Protein backbone atom coordinates (compact mmCIF):
# COMPACT_ATOMS: atom_id res chain seq x y z
CA MET A 1 -31.90 -48.44 -74.41
CA LYS A 2 -34.95 -48.83 -76.65
CA SER A 3 -34.65 -52.62 -76.62
CA LEU A 4 -34.53 -52.56 -72.83
CA GLU A 5 -37.73 -50.48 -72.72
CA ASN A 6 -39.35 -52.89 -75.18
CA PHE A 7 -38.40 -55.88 -73.01
CA GLN A 8 -39.92 -54.21 -69.97
CA ALA A 9 -43.11 -53.17 -71.75
CA GLN A 10 -43.65 -56.58 -73.31
CA ALA A 11 -42.95 -58.40 -70.06
CA LEU A 12 -45.33 -56.25 -68.05
CA VAL A 13 -48.27 -56.89 -70.39
CA THR A 14 -47.71 -60.64 -70.29
CA SER A 15 -50.54 -62.44 -68.54
CA GLN A 16 -49.98 -64.42 -65.36
CA ALA A 17 -51.16 -67.54 -67.16
CA GLN A 18 -48.25 -67.22 -69.59
CA ALA A 19 -45.85 -66.57 -66.73
CA ILE A 20 -46.74 -69.81 -64.97
CA LYS A 21 -46.05 -71.77 -68.16
CA GLY A 22 -42.44 -70.69 -67.83
CA GLY A 23 -42.29 -68.95 -71.17
CA THR A 24 -42.27 -65.22 -71.39
CA TYR A 25 -40.80 -63.86 -68.15
CA PRO A 26 -37.89 -66.34 -68.03
CA ASP A 27 -37.11 -65.59 -71.69
CA TYR A 28 -36.94 -61.83 -71.06
CA ILE A 29 -34.96 -62.33 -67.86
CA GLN A 30 -32.43 -64.48 -69.72
CA ALA A 31 -32.16 -61.98 -72.58
CA MET A 32 -31.60 -59.12 -70.14
CA GLN A 33 -28.97 -61.15 -68.26
CA THR A 34 -27.20 -61.75 -71.58
CA GLN A 35 -27.22 -58.01 -72.33
CA LEU A 36 -25.89 -57.30 -68.84
CA ALA A 37 -23.07 -59.80 -69.34
CA GLY A 38 -22.19 -58.11 -72.64
CA ILE A 39 -21.97 -54.71 -70.99
CA GLN A 40 -19.80 -56.19 -68.21
CA SER A 41 -17.53 -57.74 -70.82
CA ASN A 42 -17.11 -54.35 -72.50
CA ILE A 43 -16.26 -52.77 -69.14
CA ASP A 44 -13.72 -55.52 -68.43
CA THR A 45 -12.11 -55.09 -71.85
CA LEU A 46 -11.84 -51.35 -71.43
CA MET A 47 -10.35 -51.73 -67.95
CA SER A 48 -7.82 -54.36 -69.07
CA ASN A 49 -6.71 -52.10 -71.95
CA GLY A 50 -6.29 -49.24 -69.50
CA ILE A 51 -7.91 -45.83 -69.27
CA SER A 52 -5.52 -43.62 -71.17
CA SER A 53 -7.63 -40.76 -72.50
CA PRO A 54 -10.67 -38.65 -71.68
CA SER A 55 -12.66 -40.57 -74.31
CA ASP A 56 -11.80 -43.85 -72.53
CA MET A 57 -13.12 -42.36 -69.31
CA MET A 58 -16.29 -41.16 -71.03
CA GLN A 59 -16.80 -44.59 -72.56
CA LEU A 60 -16.32 -46.23 -69.18
CA GLN A 61 -18.84 -43.87 -67.57
CA SER A 62 -21.33 -44.60 -70.33
CA LEU A 63 -20.89 -48.36 -69.92
CA MET A 64 -21.27 -48.10 -66.16
CA ASN A 65 -24.48 -46.11 -66.61
CA GLN A 66 -25.80 -48.70 -69.06
CA TYR A 67 -24.91 -51.48 -66.62
CA SER A 68 -26.68 -49.72 -63.76
CA GLN A 69 -29.84 -49.11 -65.80
CA GLN A 70 -29.89 -52.66 -67.16
CA ASN A 71 -29.31 -54.16 -63.72
CA SER A 72 -32.12 -52.07 -62.24
CA ALA A 73 -34.50 -53.06 -65.03
CA LEU A 74 -33.56 -56.72 -64.60
CA ASN A 75 -34.21 -56.55 -60.85
CA ASN A 76 -37.60 -54.94 -61.49
CA LEU A 77 -38.50 -57.63 -64.02
CA ILE A 78 -37.49 -60.42 -61.64
CA LYS A 79 -39.60 -58.81 -58.89
CA THR A 80 -42.60 -58.58 -61.25
CA TYR A 81 -42.16 -62.23 -62.22
CA ASN A 82 -41.91 -63.33 -58.58
CA ASP A 83 -44.99 -61.27 -57.68
CA SER A 84 -46.91 -62.89 -60.54
CA LEU A 85 -45.95 -66.36 -59.37
CA LYS A 86 -47.01 -65.50 -55.81
CA ASN A 87 -50.37 -64.24 -57.07
CA ILE A 88 -50.91 -67.40 -59.09
CA ALA A 89 -50.00 -69.57 -56.09
CA GLN A 90 -52.40 -67.64 -53.86
CA ASN A 91 -55.21 -67.99 -56.40
CA MET A 92 -54.64 -71.73 -56.63
CA SER A 93 -54.98 -72.33 -52.88
């Protein structure tokens, strides 16, 4: 989860001027969406192979926790990005 924390930290220190240029926030959002899709793919693979042992169940629980944390972080990042855009729009009017 270190990379997730790094994404969040880097995104939150990004200035609003950079956000309006369409660079940093969208890049982090896309990277986090890619990570989320990878976790979902792992969950799908595990489910299609079947849960046949306690270790499979533990792996599934771990993947579901990762998915939940990643999804929450992504939602927070999108909210921060939207708030930044709103602030920029208000300052321009």
